[in-house]
Amino acid sequence: MKLKLSVLVVGVVVALIGGILVFLLNVEWTVPFLFWDVPAPNPLRIIPYIEPLSWIVFAVGAVLFVAGLLWKEGGD
């Protein structure tokens, strides 16, 4: 039971981190300048291969979460 709960919790946390990264990579960044917002480059794009890595992190977390949900305890 403890291992199943651990897999569920780790899956949720990892998927949440990956989802936040994906969101931050796809949101438009702006910098306030006087009375309007000027588009700015996304600072996360400096890290090489960050977008595919964030999707992979999200997918791993989702797989762990589903594995925790489908986990069967003991034998029938």
Foldseek 3Di string as FASTA:
>chain_A
DVVLVVLQVQLVVQLVQLVVLLVLVPDFDWDDDDPDTHTDDRPVPVDPPSNVVSVVSNVVSPVSNVCSVPDDPDDD
